[in-house]
Amino acid sequence: MASRMTTFTRLFSSNGVVSTNRVTTFLGLGSGYSSYSSAVASLESEADSRLFGLKDYENYRKTLHGGITHKALLVDAVGTLVIPSQPMAQIYRQIGEKYGVEFSEDEILKRYRRAYEQPWGRSRLRYVDDGRPFWQHIVSSSTGCSNSQYFEELYNYYTTEKAWHLCDPNAEKVFKALKKAGVKLAIVSNFDTRLRPLLRALKCDHWFDALAVSAEVAAEKPNPMIFLKACELLGVEPEDAVHVGDDRRNDIWGARDAGCDAWLWGSDVHSFKEIAERIGVEV
């Protein structure tokens, strides 16, 4: 019974394999083990069918594009390509101590989340140009400190290689293989104009053929316009591109609304090597 429950949970929670409505229907079949076993067997059969269907579809796409499934790969920046090297609240507090910040890291994190989730009323976009007004609001709301020197030191810190590192240490090798195979590469990111100098500091800006940054294109994910702009910059149709990101709403829903394929980082794919292999490129 325990092993069946494990199987059932896996199928239930797998990304897009079985809907919650189907599972609810199966749960209502009866309390007996035989009904439960039949439900699990049916779910397993459906999962296998969809898995083979996905492989068939990817093989079909490879016949269209000369052995690869997509002509372009779009990549989210924060949370997919790069991540902060230290927790945000830790840095806010460490730098802020000399400016009189007394909140604990837990309190800073709580206040940060509250401020970040509130609608930004000064403009249609959070990140306009360098994003300073928005970030000044976030920093002062998170720490209770409005000292301009504190803000500038914190703001500039997040443009340096000390603040960030690559999520996947094999990223450079994979992107080189993708480009050699003819796959075009772009970053699609909700970020201000610090993204370009940050990528230069991390020595990975040359990996990409184009950048679609929200502060530069005046559209933030999940707005499909930012994905369409990335495809335009690459010279590909949206249906020939796949976007990879870690946010279901911004990255997956937004990309699909634009007509692109989309894979969720950490669920559909877990490394750039796995992405390359799904596209049809060996690394």
C-alpha atoms as a PDB file:
ATOM      1  CA  MET A   1       0.000   0.000   0.000  1.00  0.00           C
ATOM      2  CA  ALA A   2       2.832   2.391   0.879  1.00  0.00           C
ATOM      3  CA  SER A   3       4.560   1.868  -2.465  1.00  0.00           C
ATOM      4  CA  ARG A   4       1.312   2.503  -4.305  1.00  0.00           C
ATOM      5  CA  MET A   5       0.785   5.720  -2.357  1.00  0.00           C
ATOM      6  CA  THR A   6       4.264   6.879  -3.387  1.00  0.00           C
ATOM      7  CA  THR A   7       3.474   6.183  -7.039  1.00  0.00           C
ATOM      8  CA  PHE A   8       0.138   7.928  -6.769  1.00  0.00           C
ATOM      9  CA  THR A   9       1.676  11.029  -5.172  1.00  0.00           C
ATOM     10  CA  ARG A  10       4.353  11.205  -7.825  1.00  0.00           C
ATOM     11  CA  LEU A  11       1.851  11.035 -10.639  1.00  0.00           C
ATOM     12  CA  PHE A  12      -0.454  13.492  -8.963  1.00  0.00           C
ATOM     13  CA  SER A  13       2.264  16.106  -8.526  1.00  0.00           C
ATOM     14  CA  SER A  14       4.171  15.648 -11.782  1.00  0.00           C
ATOM     15  CA  ASN A  15       4.205  18.745 -13.931  1.00  0.00           C
ATOM     16  CA  GLY A  16       1.237  18.507 -16.293  1.00  0.00           C
ATOM     17  CA  VAL A  17       1.007  14.719 -16.360  1.00  0.00           C
ATOM     18  CA  VAL A  18      -2.338  14.261 -14.636  1.00  0.00           C
ATOM     19  CA  SER A  19      -4.793  16.993 -13.737  1.00  0.00           C
ATOM     20  CA  THR A  20      -6.227  17.475 -10.247  1.00  0.00           C
ATOM     21  CA  ASN A  21      -9.703  16.823 -11.654  1.00  0.00           C
ATOM     22  CA  ARG A  22      -8.660  13.392 -12.877  1.00  0.00           C
ATOM     23  CA  VAL A  23      -7.110  12.557  -9.517  1.00  0.00           C
ATOM     24  CA  THR A  24     -10.205  13.709  -7.638  1.00  0.00           C
ATOM     25  CA  THR A  25     -12.304  11.456  -9.855  1.00  0.00           C
ATOM     26  CA  PHE A  26     -10.091   8.476  -9.102  1.00  0.00           C
ATOM     27  CA  LEU A  27     -10.120   9.195  -5.379  1.00  0.00           C
ATOM     28  CA  GLY A  28     -13.895   8.944  -5.452  1.00  0.00           C
ATOM     29  CA  LEU A  29     -14.002   5.458  -6.934  1.00  0.00           C
ATOM     30  CA  GLY A  30     -14.270   3.778  -3.568  1.00  0.00           C
ATOM     31  CA  SER A  31     -12.468   3.001  -0.367  1.00  0.00           C
ATOM     32  CA  GLY A  32     -11.437  -0.549  -1.299  1.00  0.00           C
ATOM     33  CA  TYR A  33      -7.878  -1.384  -2.268  1.00  0.00           C
ATOM     34  CA  SER A  34      -8.933  -2.867  -5.601  1.00  0.00           C
ATOM     35  CA  SER A  35     -10.561   0.399  -6.654  1.00  0.00           C
ATOM     36  CA  TYR A  36      -7.501   2.290  -5.481  1.00  0.00           C
ATOM     37  CA  SER A  37      -5.171  -0.060  -7.372  1.00  0.00           C
ATOM     38  CA  SER A  38      -7.217   0.330 -10.540  1.00  0.00           C
ATOM     39  CA  ALA A  39      -7.046   4.078 -10.194  1.00  0.00           C
ATOM     40  CA  VAL A  40      -3.263   4.045  -9.825  1.00  0.00           C
ATOM     41  CA  ALA A  41      -2.826   1.644 -12.734  1.00  0.00           C
ATOM     42  CA  SER A  42      -4.935   3.888 -14.942  1.00  0.00           C
ATOM     43  CA  LEU A  43      -2.942   6.945 -13.928  1.00  0.00           C
ATOM     44  CA  GLU A  44       0.344   5.136 -14.602  1.00  0.00           C
ATOM     45  CA  SER A  45      -0.878   4.112 -18.038  1.00  0.00           C
ATOM     46  CA  GLU A  46      -1.920   7.676 -18.836  1.00  0.00           C
ATOM     47  CA  ALA A  47       1.429   9.046 -17.630  1.00  0.00           C
ATOM     48  CA  ASP A  48       3.344   6.567 -19.808  1.00  0.00           C
ATOM     49  CA  SER A  49       1.164   7.480 -22.779  1.00  0.00           C
ATOM     50  CA  ARG A  50       1.791  11.187 -22.365  1.00  0.00           C
ATOM     51  CA  LEU A  51       5.516  10.640 -21.878  1.00  0.00           C
ATOM     52  CA  PHE A  52       5.754   8.694 -25.128  1.00  0.00           C
ATOM     53  CA  GLY A  53       3.596  11.363 -26.789  1.00  0.00           C
ATOM     54  CA  LEU A  54       6.065  14.032 -25.688  1.00  0.00           C
ATOM     55  CA  LYS A  55       8.997  12.052 -27.093  1.00  0.00           C
ATOM     56  CA  ASP A  56       7.150  11.552 -30.360  1.00  0.00           C
ATOM     57  CA  TYR A  57       6.440  15.277 -30.556  1.00  0.00           C
ATOM     58  CA  GLU A  58      10.057  16.211 -29.881  1.00  0.00           C
ATOM     59  CA  ASN A  59      11.218  13.728 -32.519  1.00  0.00           C
ATOM     60  CA  TYR A  60       8.719  15.255 -34.946  1.00  0.00           C
ATOM     61  CA  ARG A  61      10.102  18.730 -34.267  1.00  0.00           C
ATOM     62  CA  LYS A  62      13.626  17.470 -34.911  1.00  0.00           C
ATOM     63  CA  THR A  63      12.608  16.409 -38.404  1.00  0.00           C
ATOM     64  CA  LEU A  64      11.420  19.961 -39.055  1.00  0.00           C
ATOM     65  CA  HIS A  65      14.540  21.751 -37.828  1.00  0.00           C
ATOM     66  CA  GLY A  66      17.401  19.544 -38.941  1.00  0.00           C
ATOM     67  CA  GLY A  67      17.823  17.458 -35.809  1.00  0.00           C
ATOM     68  CA  ILE A  68      16.947  20.046 -33.151  1.00  0.00           C
ATOM     69  CA  THR A  69      13.573  20.770 -31.553  1.00  0.00           C
ATOM     70  CA  HIS A  70      13.943  24.568 -31.412  1.00  0.00           C
ATOM     71  CA  LYS A  71      15.882  27.214 -33.309  1.00  0.00           C
ATOM     72  CA  ALA A  72      16.257  29.453 -30.263  1.00  0.00           C
ATOM     73  CA  LEU A  73      16.624  29.174 -26.505  1.00  0.00           C
ATOM     74  CA  LEU A  74      15.390  32.021 -24.306  1.00  0.00           C
ATOM     75  CA  VAL A  75      16.687  32.044 -20.735  1.00  0.00           C
ATOM     76  CA  ASP A  76      15.480  33.834 -17.606  1.00  0.00           C
ATOM     77  CA  ALA A  77      18.228  35.619 -15.657  1.00  0.00           C
ATOM     78  CA  VAL A  78      17.665  35.631 -11.884  1.00  0.00           C
ATOM     79  CA  GLY A  79      16.843  32.182 -10.522  1.00  0.00           C
ATOM     80  CA  THR A  80      17.766  30.374 -13.731  1.00  0.00           C
ATOM     81  CA  LEU A  81      21.035  31.705 -15.127  1.00  0.00           C
ATOM     82  CA  VAL A  82      22.278  33.468 -11.979  1.00  0.00           C
ATOM     83  CA  ILE A  83      21.418  33.531  -8.279  1.00  0.00           C
ATOM     84  CA  PRO A  84      22.538  35.785  -5.402  1.00  0.00           C
ATOM     85  CA  SER A  85      25.674  34.518  -3.680  1.00  0.00           C
ATOM     86  CA  GLN A  86      24.326  35.412  -0.221  1.00  0.00           C
ATOM     87  CA  PRO A  87      20.756  35.762   1.065  1.00  0.00           C
ATOM     88  CA  MET A  88      19.340  39.194   0.288  1.00  0.00           C
ATOM     89  CA  ALA A  89      18.388  39.942   3.902  1.00  0.00           C
ATOM     90  CA  GLN A  90      21.911  39.086   5.068  1.00  0.00           C
ATOM     91  CA  ILE A  91      23.461  41.620   2.669  1.00  0.00           C
ATOM     92  CA  TYR A  92      20.865  44.289   3.462  1.00  0.00           C
ATOM     93  CA  ARG A  93      21.708  43.924   7.154  1.00  0.00           C
ATOM     94  CA  GLN A  94      25.488  43.611   6.808  1.00  0.00           C
ATOM     95  CA  ILE A  95      25.839  46.733   4.672  1.00  0.00           C
ATOM     96  CA  GLY A  96      23.143  48.504   6.656  1.00  0.00           C
ATOM     97  CA  GLU A  97      24.710  48.069  10.106  1.00  0.00           C
ATOM     98  CA  LYS A  98      27.015  51.056   9.644  1.00  0.00           C
ATOM     99  CA  TYR A  99      24.002  53.135   8.598  1.00  0.00           C
ATOM    100  CA  GLY A 100      21.954  52.258  11.649  1.00  0.00           C
ATOM    101  CA  VAL A 101      19.848  49.369  10.334  1.00  0.00           C
ATOM    102  CA  GLU A 102      18.708  47.366  13.369  1.00  0.00           C
ATOM    103  CA  PHE A 103      16.126  44.967  11.929  1.00  0.00           C
ATOM    104  CA  SER A 104      16.928  41.256  12.033  1.00  0.00           C
ATOM    105  CA  GLU A 105      17.367  39.342   8.801  1.00  0.00           C
ATOM    106  CA  ASP A 106      13.988  37.669   9.321  1.00  0.00           C
ATOM    107  CA  GLU A 107      12.296  41.038   9.736  1.00  0.00           C
ATOM    108  CA  ILE A 108      14.055  42.481   6.682  1.00  0.00           C
ATOM    109  CA  LEU A 109      12.978  39.492   4.580  1.00  0.00           C
ATOM    110  CA  LYS A 110       9.370  39.768   5.761  1.00  0.00           C
ATOM    111  CA  ARG A 111       9.239  43.504   5.043  1.00  0.00           C
ATOM    112  CA  TYR A 112      10.977  43.017   1.674  1.00  0.00           C
ATOM    113  CA  ARG A 113       8.423  40.468   0.531  1.00  0.00           C
ATOM    114  CA  ARG A 114       5.556  42.653   1.659  1.00  0.00           C
ATOM    115  CA  ALA A 115       6.938  45.684  -0.192  1.00  0.00           C
ATOM    116  CA  TYR A 116       7.825  43.739  -3.345  1.00  0.00           C
ATOM    117  CA  GLU A 117       4.383  42.171  -3.623  1.00  0.00           C
ATOM    118  CA  GLN A 118       2.551  45.492  -3.393  1.00  0.00           C
ATOM    119  CA  PRO A 119       1.505  47.194  -6.654  1.00  0.00           C
ATOM    120  CA  TRP A 120       4.047  49.761  -7.805  1.00  0.00           C
ATOM    121  CA  GLY A 121       1.961  52.866  -8.390  1.00  0.00           C
ATOM    122  CA  ARG A 122       4.506  55.355  -9.750  1.00  0.00           C
ATOM    123  CA  SER A 123       4.618  53.885 -13.249  1.00  0.00           C
ATOM    124  CA  ARG A 124       3.312  51.004 -15.312  1.00  0.00           C
ATOM    125  CA  LEU A 125       6.656  49.226 -14.895  1.00  0.00           C
ATOM    126  CA  ARG A 126       8.749  48.561 -11.804  1.00  0.00           C
ATOM    127  CA  TYR A 127      12.036  48.726 -13.672  1.00  0.00           C
ATOM    128  CA  VAL A 128      12.279  51.950 -15.651  1.00  0.00           C
ATOM    129  CA  ASP A 129      15.823  52.712 -16.836  1.00  0.00           C
ATOM    130  CA  ASP A 130      18.096  52.029 -13.836  1.00  0.00           C
ATOM    131  CA  GLY A 131      15.150  51.207 -11.565  1.00  0.00           C
ATOM    132  CA  ARG A 132      16.389  53.475  -8.790  1.00  0.00           C
ATOM    133  CA  PRO A 133      13.005  54.845  -7.595  1.00  0.00           C
ATOM    134  CA  PHE A 134      11.604  51.333  -7.262  1.00  0.00           C
ATOM    135  CA  TRP A 135      14.655  49.972  -5.445  1.00  0.00           C
ATOM    136  CA  GLN A 136      14.850  52.986  -3.140  1.00  0.00           C
ATOM    137  CA  HIS A 137      11.289  52.183  -2.093  1.00  0.00           C
ATOM    138  CA  ILE A 138      12.131  48.492  -1.568  1.00  0.00           C
ATOM    139  CA  VAL A 139      15.279  49.184   0.456  1.00  0.00           C
ATOM    140  CA  SER A 140      13.705  51.789   2.735  1.00  0.00           C
ATOM    141  CA  SER A 141      10.592  49.638   3.224  1.00  0.00           C
ATOM    142  CA  SER A 142      12.707  46.575   4.042  1.00  0.00           C
ATOM    143  CA  THR A 143      15.160  48.186   6.425  1.00  0.00           C
ATOM    144  CA  GLY A 144      13.544  51.393   7.666  1.00  0.00           C
ATOM    145  CA  CYS A 145      16.636  53.254   6.440  1.00  0.00           C
ATOM    146  CA  SER A 146      16.401  55.988   3.800  1.00  0.00           C
ATOM    147  CA  ASN A 147      20.058  57.025   3.908  1.00  0.00           C
ATOM    148  CA  SER A 148      21.115  57.762   0.328  1.00  0.00           C
ATOM    149  CA  GLN A 149      24.690  56.543   0.876  1.00  0.00           C
ATOM    150  CA  TYR A 150      23.375  53.229   2.183  1.00  0.00           C
ATOM    151  CA  PHE A 151      21.139  52.834  -0.845  1.00  0.00           C
ATOM    152  CA  GLU A 152      23.939  53.618  -3.313  1.00  0.00           C
ATOM    153  CA  GLU A 153      26.329  51.154  -1.693  1.00  0.00           C
ATOM    154  CA  LEU A 154      23.693  48.424  -1.723  1.00  0.00           C
ATOM    155  CA  TYR A 155      22.526  49.252  -5.239  1.00  0.00           C
ATOM    156  CA  ASN A 156      26.071  49.171  -6.639  1.00  0.00           C
ATOM    157  CA  TYR A 157      26.921  45.945  -4.812  1.00  0.00           C
ATOM    158  CA  TYR A 158      24.332  44.107  -6.880  1.00  0.00           C
ATOM    159  CA  THR A 159      26.131  45.080 -10.079  1.00  0.00           C
ATOM    160  CA  THR A 160      29.286  43.185  -9.100  1.00  0.00           C
ATOM    161  CA  GLU A 161      30.414  39.584  -9.504  1.00  0.00           C
ATOM    162  CA  LYS A 162      30.599  39.322  -5.695  1.00  0.00           C
ATOM    163  CA  ALA A 163      26.826  39.498  -5.454  1.00  0.00           C
ATOM    164  CA  TRP A 164      25.955  36.769  -7.974  1.00  0.00           C
ATOM    165  CA  HIS A 165      27.093  33.430  -9.316  1.00  0.00           C
ATOM    166  CA  LEU A 166      25.962  31.097 -12.090  1.00  0.00           C
ATOM    167  CA  CYS A 167      23.300  28.527 -11.193  1.00  0.00           C
ATOM    168  CA  ASP A 168      24.959  25.894 -13.363  1.00  0.00           C
ATOM    169  CA  PRO A 169      28.782  25.697 -13.492  1.00  0.00           C
ATOM    170  CA  ASN A 170      28.544  23.896 -16.856  1.00  0.00           C
ATOM    171  CA  ALA A 171      26.561  26.705 -18.468  1.00  0.00           C
ATOM    172  CA  GLU A 172      29.379  28.053 -20.653  1.00  0.00           C
ATOM    173  CA  LYS A 173      30.196  24.645 -22.140  1.00  0.00           C
ATOM    174  CA  VAL A 174      26.516  24.009 -22.882  1.00  0.00           C
ATOM    175  CA  PHE A 175      25.870  27.407 -24.476  1.00  0.00           C
ATOM    176  CA  LYS A 176      28.925  27.001 -26.708  1.00  0.00           C
ATOM    177  CA  ALA A 177      27.594  23.624 -27.880  1.00  0.00           C
ATOM    178  CA  LEU A 178      24.144  25.097 -28.538  1.00  0.00           C
ATOM    179  CA  LYS A 179      25.567  27.972 -30.584  1.00  0.00           C
ATOM    180  CA  LYS A 180      27.775  25.561 -32.551  1.00  0.00           C
ATOM    181  CA  ALA A 181      24.638  23.560 -33.361  1.00  0.00           C
ATOM    182  CA  GLY A 182      22.963  26.703 -34.702  1.00  0.00           C
ATOM    183  CA  VAL A 183      20.672  27.425 -31.751  1.00  0.00           C
ATOM    184  CA  LYS A 184      20.296  31.158 -31.107  1.00  0.00           C
ATOM    185  CA  LEU A 185      20.404  32.352 -27.501  1.00  0.00           C
ATOM    186  CA  ALA A 186      18.771  35.226 -25.657  1.00  0.00           C
ATOM    187  CA  ILE A 187      18.097  36.340 -22.107  1.00  0.00           C
ATOM    188  CA  VAL A 188      14.571  37.444 -21.244  1.00  0.00           C
ATOM    189  CA  SER A 189      14.563  39.161 -17.878  1.00  0.00           C
ATOM    190  CA  ASN A 190      12.590  41.490 -15.641  1.00  0.00           C
ATOM    191  CA  PHE A 191      15.569  43.620 -14.663  1.00  0.00           C
ATOM    192  CA  ASP A 192      16.811  47.186 -14.799  1.00  0.00           C
ATOM    193  CA  THR A 193      19.708  48.476 -16.884  1.00  0.00           C
ATOM    194  CA  ARG A 194      22.279  46.978 -14.486  1.00  0.00           C
ATOM    195  CA  LEU A 195      21.829  43.567 -16.129  1.00  0.00           C
ATOM    196  CA  ARG A 196      24.251  44.230 -18.990  1.00  0.00           C
ATOM    197  CA  PRO A 197      27.152  45.371 -16.759  1.00  0.00           C
ATOM    198  CA  LEU A 198      26.398  42.496 -14.396  1.00  0.00           C
ATOM    199  CA  LEU A 199      26.680  39.938 -17.199  1.00  0.00           C
ATOM    200  CA  ARG A 200      29.957  41.543 -18.286  1.00  0.00           C
ATOM    201  CA  ALA A 201      31.244  41.314 -14.713  1.00  0.00           C
ATOM    202  CA  LEU A 202      30.336  37.610 -14.692  1.00  0.00           C
ATOM    203  CA  LYS A 203      32.021  37.222 -18.111  1.00  0.00           C
ATOM    204  CA  CYS A 204      28.962  35.613 -19.684  1.00  0.00           C
ATOM    205  CA  ASP A 205      27.497  38.455 -21.767  1.00  0.00           C
ATOM    206  CA  HIS A 206      29.131  37.090 -24.943  1.00  0.00           C
ATOM    207  CA  TRP A 207      27.248  33.809 -24.607  1.00  0.00           C
ATOM    208  CA  PHE A 208      24.042  35.412 -25.869  1.00  0.00           C
ATOM    209  CA  ASP A 209      22.956  36.771 -29.230  1.00  0.00           C
ATOM    210  CA  ALA A 210      20.387  39.135 -27.707  1.00  0.00           C
ATOM    211  CA  LEU A 211      19.017  40.481 -24.445  1.00  0.00           C
ATOM    212  CA  ALA A 212      15.384  41.420 -23.868  1.00  0.00           C
ATOM    213  CA  VAL A 213      15.476  43.376 -20.606  1.00  0.00           C
ATOM    214  CA  SER A 214      12.191  44.733 -19.269  1.00  0.00           C
ATOM    215  CA  ALA A 215      13.659  48.171 -18.488  1.00  0.00           C
ATOM    216  CA  GLU A 216      14.822  48.461 -22.107  1.00  0.00           C
ATOM    217  CA  VAL A 217      11.814  47.048 -23.969  1.00  0.00           C
ATOM    218  CA  ALA A 218       9.118  48.571 -21.690  1.00  0.00           C
ATOM    219  CA  ALA A 219       7.425  45.232 -20.987  1.00  0.00           C
ATOM    220  CA  GLU A 220       7.698  42.926 -17.990  1.00  0.00           C
ATOM    221  CA  LYS A 221       7.028  39.211 -17.869  1.00  0.00           C
ATOM    222  CA  PRO A 222       4.429  37.714 -18.069  1.00  0.00           C
ATOM    223  CA  ASN A 223       3.588  40.284 -20.751  1.00  0.00           C
ATOM    224  CA  PRO A 224       4.125  38.322 -23.992  1.00  0.00           C
ATOM    225  CA  MET A 225       5.620  41.415 -25.650  1.00  0.00           C
ATOM    226  CA  ILE A 226       8.993  40.862 -23.977  1.00  0.00           C
ATOM    227  CA  PHE A 227       9.185  37.321 -25.413  1.00  0.00           C
ATOM    228  CA  LEU A 228       8.107  38.532 -28.833  1.00  0.00           C
ATOM    229  CA  LYS A 229      10.828  41.194 -28.683  1.00  0.00           C
ATOM    230  CA  ALA A 230      13.433  38.535 -27.886  1.00  0.00           C
ATOM    231  CA  CYS A 231      12.313  36.467 -30.877  1.00  0.00           C
ATOM    232  CA  GLU A 232      12.402  39.556 -33.084  1.00  0.00           C
ATOM    233  CA  LEU A 233      15.959  40.329 -31.968  1.00  0.00           C
ATOM    234  CA  LEU A 234      16.988  36.743 -32.752  1.00  0.00           C
ATOM    235  CA  GLY A 235      15.135  36.648 -36.069  1.00  0.00           C
ATOM    236  CA  VAL A 236      13.025  33.585 -35.206  1.00  0.00           C
ATOM    237  CA  GLU A 237       9.307  32.897 -34.997  1.00  0.00           C
ATOM    238  CA  PRO A 238       7.926  32.417 -31.450  1.00  0.00           C
ATOM    239  CA  GLU A 239       6.879  28.833 -32.199  1.00  0.00           C
ATOM    240  CA  ASP A 240      10.524  28.021 -32.984  1.00  0.00           C
ATOM    241  CA  ALA A 241      11.750  29.186 -29.556  1.00  0.00           C
ATOM    242  CA  VAL A 242      11.671  27.615 -26.093  1.00  0.00           C
ATOM    243  CA  HIS A 243      11.938  29.694 -22.938  1.00  0.00           C
ATOM    244  CA  VAL A 244      13.343  28.360 -19.657  1.00  0.00           C
ATOM    245  CA  GLY A 245      12.667  30.085 -16.342  1.00  0.00           C
ATOM    246  CA  ASP A 246      11.926  29.398 -12.686  1.00  0.00           C
ATOM    247  CA  ASP A 247       8.623  31.271 -12.310  1.00  0.00           C
ATOM    248  CA  ARG A 248       5.492  29.506 -13.529  1.00  0.00           C
ATOM    249  CA  ARG A 249       3.470  32.690 -13.979  1.00  0.00           C
ATOM    250  CA  ASN A 250       6.107  34.984 -15.438  1.00  0.00           C
ATOM    251  CA  ASP A 251       8.149  32.487 -17.433  1.00  0.00           C
ATOM    252  CA  ILE A 252       5.837  29.638 -18.401  1.00  0.00           C
ATOM    253  CA  TRP A 253       2.500  31.370 -18.826  1.00  0.00           C
ATOM    254  CA  GLY A 254       4.073  34.473 -20.349  1.00  0.00           C
ATOM    255  CA  ALA A 255       6.137  32.560 -22.902  1.00  0.00           C
ATOM    256  CA  ARG A 256       3.221  30.360 -23.927  1.00  0.00           C
ATOM    257  CA  ASP A 257       0.993  33.411 -24.361  1.00  0.00           C
ATOM    258  CA  ALA A 258       3.612  34.683 -26.808  1.00  0.00           C
ATOM    259  CA  GLY A 259       3.470  31.411 -28.752  1.00  0.00           C
ATOM    260  CA  CYS A 260       6.780  30.019 -27.467  1.00  0.00           C
ATOM    261  CA  ASP A 261       7.373  26.645 -25.900  1.00  0.00           C
ATOM    262  CA  ALA A 262       8.317  26.827 -22.199  1.00  0.00           C
ATOM    263  CA  TRP A 263      10.063  24.602 -19.640  1.00  0.00           C
ATOM    264  CA  LEU A 264      10.074  25.246 -15.915  1.00  0.00           C
ATOM    265  CA  TRP A 265      13.574  25.331 -14.377  1.00  0.00           C
ATOM    266  CA  GLY A 266      13.801  22.947 -11.426  1.00  0.00           C
ATOM    267  CA  SER A 267      10.813  20.900 -12.617  1.00  0.00           C
ATOM    268  CA  ASP A 268      10.823  20.232 -16.368  1.00  0.00           C
ATOM    269  CA  VAL A 269      14.595  20.692 -16.583  1.00  0.00           C
ATOM    270  CA  HIS A 270      17.298  20.824 -13.906  1.00  0.00           C
ATOM    271  CA  SER A 271      20.481  21.791 -15.774  1.00  0.00           C
ATOM    272  CA  PHE A 272      21.524  23.433 -19.011  1.00  0.00           C
ATOM    273  CA  LYS A 273      22.949  20.127 -20.189  1.00  0.00           C
ATOM    274  CA  GLU A 274      19.484  18.599 -19.820  1.00  0.00           C
ATOM    275  CA  ILE A 275      18.040  21.521 -21.792  1.00  0.00           C
ATOM    276  CA  ALA A 276      20.549  20.973 -24.594  1.00  0.00           C
ATOM    277  CA  GLU A 277      19.787  17.267 -24.723  1.00  0.00           C
ATOM    278  CA  ARG A 278      16.047  17.928 -24.954  1.00  0.00           C
ATOM    279  CA  ILE A 279      16.694  20.320 -27.827  1.00  0.00           C
ATOM    280  CA  GLY A 280      18.788  17.641 -29.505  1.00  0.00           C
ATOM    281  CA  VAL A 281      22.315  18.900 -28.892  1.00  0.00           C
ATOM    282  CA  GLU A 282      24.957  16.701 -27.303  1.00  0.00           C
ATOM    283  CA  VAL A 283      27.373  18.353 -24.888  1.00  0.00           C
END
